[in-house]
Amino acid sequence: MDKKANKYKLKLELLELLRPDDKVYEPIELEFGNHDNIFNIIERMKKRNRFKTEQDSIEFAIGLKLFSEVMLKNKDNPLFEDFRPAFRELMKKIKSS
């Protein structure tokens, strides 16, 4: 993990299955780094009331930070080539208000 990153631990655990015949997986726990303080970002997103619920704000902030950090670490990956300009515009929009 990068020494210039904040360190986090995330646990994903299935609590209820939508379809009872789906496979049940063991929980996943991972440690990861991020250059931002994700808890500060969550608090700012909650205060901005951009989504229907506070839970949506939290999920958005966590998902966005996980995604954006992977994209930064893999900036030469052609998978992100077409998406990068739109992502920059999204980040400008998020930060502008």
C-alpha atoms as a PDB file:
ATOM      1  CA  MET A   1       0.000   0.000   0.000  1.00  0.00           C
ATOM      2  CA  ASP A   2       1.209   3.511  -0.833  1.00  0.00           C
ATOM      3  CA  LYS A   3       2.735   5.313   2.161  1.00  0.00           C
ATOM      4  CA  LYS A   4       1.125   8.556   0.945  1.00  0.00           C
ATOM      5  CA  ALA A   5      -2.355   7.089   1.263  1.00  0.00           C
ATOM      6  CA  ASN A   6      -4.807   6.821   4.105  1.00  0.00           C
ATOM      7  CA  LYS A   7      -5.441   3.178   4.968  1.00  0.00           C
ATOM      8  CA  TYR A   8      -8.925   1.700   5.184  1.00  0.00           C
ATOM      9  CA  LYS A   9     -10.542  -1.654   5.801  1.00  0.00           C
ATOM     10  CA  LEU A  10     -13.846  -2.590   4.214  1.00  0.00           C
ATOM     11  CA  LYS A  11     -15.977  -5.638   4.910  1.00  0.00           C
ATOM     12  CA  LEU A  12     -18.682  -6.717   2.488  1.00  0.00           C
ATOM     13  CA  GLU A  13     -21.107  -9.242   3.859  1.00  0.00           C
ATOM     14  CA  LEU A  14     -24.257 -10.589   2.263  1.00  0.00           C
ATOM     15  CA  LEU A  15     -27.163 -10.128   4.666  1.00  0.00           C
ATOM     16  CA  GLU A  16     -30.102 -11.268   2.579  1.00  0.00           C
ATOM     17  CA  LEU A  17     -30.494 -12.880  -0.831  1.00  0.00           C
ATOM     18  CA  LEU A  18     -32.983 -11.544  -3.346  1.00  0.00           C
ATOM     19  CA  ARG A  19     -33.187 -14.966  -5.014  1.00  0.00           C
ATOM     20  CA  PRO A  20     -32.870 -17.879  -2.589  1.00  0.00           C
ATOM     21  CA  ASP A  21     -31.218 -20.078  -5.236  1.00  0.00           C
ATOM     22  CA  ASP A  22     -28.246 -17.691  -5.653  1.00  0.00           C
ATOM     23  CA  LYS A  23     -24.868 -18.778  -4.366  1.00  0.00           C
ATOM     24  CA  VAL A  24     -23.957 -17.596  -0.883  1.00  0.00           C
ATOM     25  CA  TYR A  25     -20.434 -16.190  -0.623  1.00  0.00           C
ATOM     26  CA  GLU A  26     -18.242 -15.732   2.398  1.00  0.00           C
ATOM     27  CA  PRO A  27     -17.740 -12.109   3.462  1.00  0.00           C
ATOM     28  CA  ILE A  28     -14.923 -10.206   1.775  1.00  0.00           C
ATOM     29  CA  GLU A  29     -12.645  -8.028   3.837  1.00  0.00           C
ATOM     30  CA  LEU A  30     -10.060  -5.865   2.130  1.00  0.00           C
ATOM     31  CA  GLU A  31      -7.585  -3.205   3.044  1.00  0.00           C
ATOM     32  CA  PHE A  32      -6.947  -0.397   0.601  1.00  0.00           C
ATOM     33  CA  GLY A  33      -5.412   3.027   0.400  1.00  0.00           C
ATOM     34  CA  ASN A  34      -6.845   6.309  -0.773  1.00  0.00           C
ATOM     35  CA  HIS A  35      -5.217   9.726  -0.985  1.00  0.00           C
ATOM     36  CA  ASP A  36      -8.378  11.375   0.398  1.00  0.00           C
ATOM     37  CA  ASN A  37      -9.982  11.157   3.814  1.00  0.00           C
ATOM     38  CA  ILE A  38     -13.077   9.232   2.762  1.00  0.00           C
ATOM     39  CA  PHE A  39     -14.897   9.987   6.014  1.00  0.00           C
ATOM     40  CA  ASN A  40     -14.575  13.740   5.311  1.00  0.00           C
ATOM     41  CA  ILE A  41     -15.972  13.189   1.827  1.00  0.00           C
ATOM     42  CA  ILE A  42     -18.898  11.190   3.226  1.00  0.00           C
ATOM     43  CA  GLU A  43     -19.717  14.002   5.652  1.00  0.00           C
ATOM     44  CA  ARG A  44     -19.597  16.610   2.875  1.00  0.00           C
ATOM     45  CA  MET A  45     -21.810  14.496   0.609  1.00  0.00           C
ATOM     46  CA  LYS A  46     -24.362  14.021   3.397  1.00  0.00           C
ATOM     47  CA  LYS A  47     -24.513  17.787   4.029  1.00  0.00           C
ATOM     48  CA  ARG A  48     -25.084  18.553   0.332  1.00  0.00           C
ATOM     49  CA  ASN A  49     -28.315  16.520   0.171  1.00  0.00           C
ATOM     50  CA  ARG A  50     -27.831  15.551  -3.484  1.00  0.00           C
ATOM     51  CA  PHE A  51     -29.601  12.219  -3.171  1.00  0.00           C
ATOM     52  CA  LYS A  52     -32.910  10.952  -1.872  1.00  0.00           C
ATOM     53  CA  THR A  53     -31.405   9.518   1.315  1.00  0.00           C
ATOM     54  CA  GLU A  54     -28.336   9.941   3.485  1.00  0.00           C
ATOM     55  CA  GLN A  55     -27.579   6.262   2.813  1.00  0.00           C
ATOM     56  CA  ASP A  56     -27.404   7.043  -0.930  1.00  0.00           C
ATOM     57  CA  SER A  57     -24.870   9.802  -0.209  1.00  0.00           C
ATOM     58  CA  ILE A  58     -22.695   7.410   1.782  1.00  0.00           C
ATOM     59  CA  GLU A  59     -22.859   4.660  -0.850  1.00  0.00           C
ATOM     60  CA  PHE A  60     -22.064   7.150  -3.615  1.00  0.00           C
ATOM     61  CA  ALA A  61     -19.064   8.602  -1.768  1.00  0.00           C
ATOM     62  CA  ILE A  62     -17.575   5.180  -0.971  1.00  0.00           C
ATOM     63  CA  GLY A  63     -18.192   3.814  -4.461  1.00  0.00           C
ATOM     64  CA  LEU A  64     -16.807   6.911  -6.137  1.00  0.00           C
ATOM     65  CA  LYS A  65     -13.636   6.904  -4.050  1.00  0.00           C
ATOM     66  CA  LEU A  66     -13.017   3.190  -4.604  1.00  0.00           C
ATOM     67  CA  PHE A  67     -13.579   3.557  -8.339  1.00  0.00           C
ATOM     68  CA  SER A  68     -11.563   6.748  -8.783  1.00  0.00           C
ATOM     69  CA  GLU A  69      -8.543   5.401  -6.908  1.00  0.00           C
ATOM     70  CA  VAL A  70      -8.456   2.274  -9.080  1.00  0.00           C
ATOM     71  CA  MET A  71      -8.773   4.471 -12.157  1.00  0.00           C
ATOM     72  CA  LEU A  72      -5.867   6.664 -10.987  1.00  0.00           C
ATOM     73  CA  LYS A  73      -3.661   3.646 -10.314  1.00  0.00           C
ATOM     74  CA  ASN A  74      -4.497   2.259 -13.772  1.00  0.00           C
ATOM     75  CA  LYS A  75      -4.501   5.476 -15.780  1.00  0.00           C
ATOM     76  CA  ASP A  76      -2.971   3.789 -18.824  1.00  0.00           C
ATOM     77  CA  ASN A  77      -5.651   1.103 -18.960  1.00  0.00           C
ATOM     78  CA  PRO A  78      -7.643   1.480 -22.206  1.00  0.00           C
ATOM     79  CA  LEU A  79     -10.798   0.512 -20.307  1.00  0.00           C
ATOM     80  CA  PHE A  80     -10.954   4.053 -18.875  1.00  0.00           C
ATOM     81  CA  GLU A  81      -9.946   5.913 -22.033  1.00  0.00           C
ATOM     82  CA  ASP A  82     -13.428   6.979 -23.172  1.00  0.00           C
ATOM     83  CA  PHE A  83     -14.743   7.461 -19.662  1.00  0.00           C
ATOM     84  CA  ARG A  84     -11.968   9.709 -18.298  1.00  0.00           C
ATOM     85  CA  PRO A  85     -13.253  13.027 -19.799  1.00  0.00           C
ATOM     86  CA  ALA A  86     -16.773  12.415 -18.475  1.00  0.00           C
ATOM     87  CA  PHE A  87     -15.371  11.481 -15.085  1.00  0.00           C
ATOM     88  CA  ARG A  88     -13.402  14.744 -14.929  1.00  0.00           C
ATOM     89  CA  GLU A  89     -16.602  16.675 -15.656  1.00  0.00           C
ATOM     90  CA  LEU A  90     -18.472  14.725 -12.964  1.00  0.00           C
ATOM     91  CA  MET A  91     -15.766  15.534 -10.415  1.00  0.00           C
ATOM     92  CA  LYS A  92     -15.892  19.238 -11.353  1.00  0.00           C
ATOM     93  CA  LYS A  93     -19.655  19.204 -10.872  1.00  0.00           C
ATOM     94  CA  ILE A  94     -19.376  17.457  -7.505  1.00  0.00           C
ATOM     95  CA  LYS A  95     -16.709  19.851  -6.235  1.00  0.00           C
ATOM     96  CA  SER A  96     -18.397  23.021  -7.529  1.00  0.00           C
ATOM     97  CA  SER A  97     -21.211  23.117  -5.030  1.00  0.00           C
END
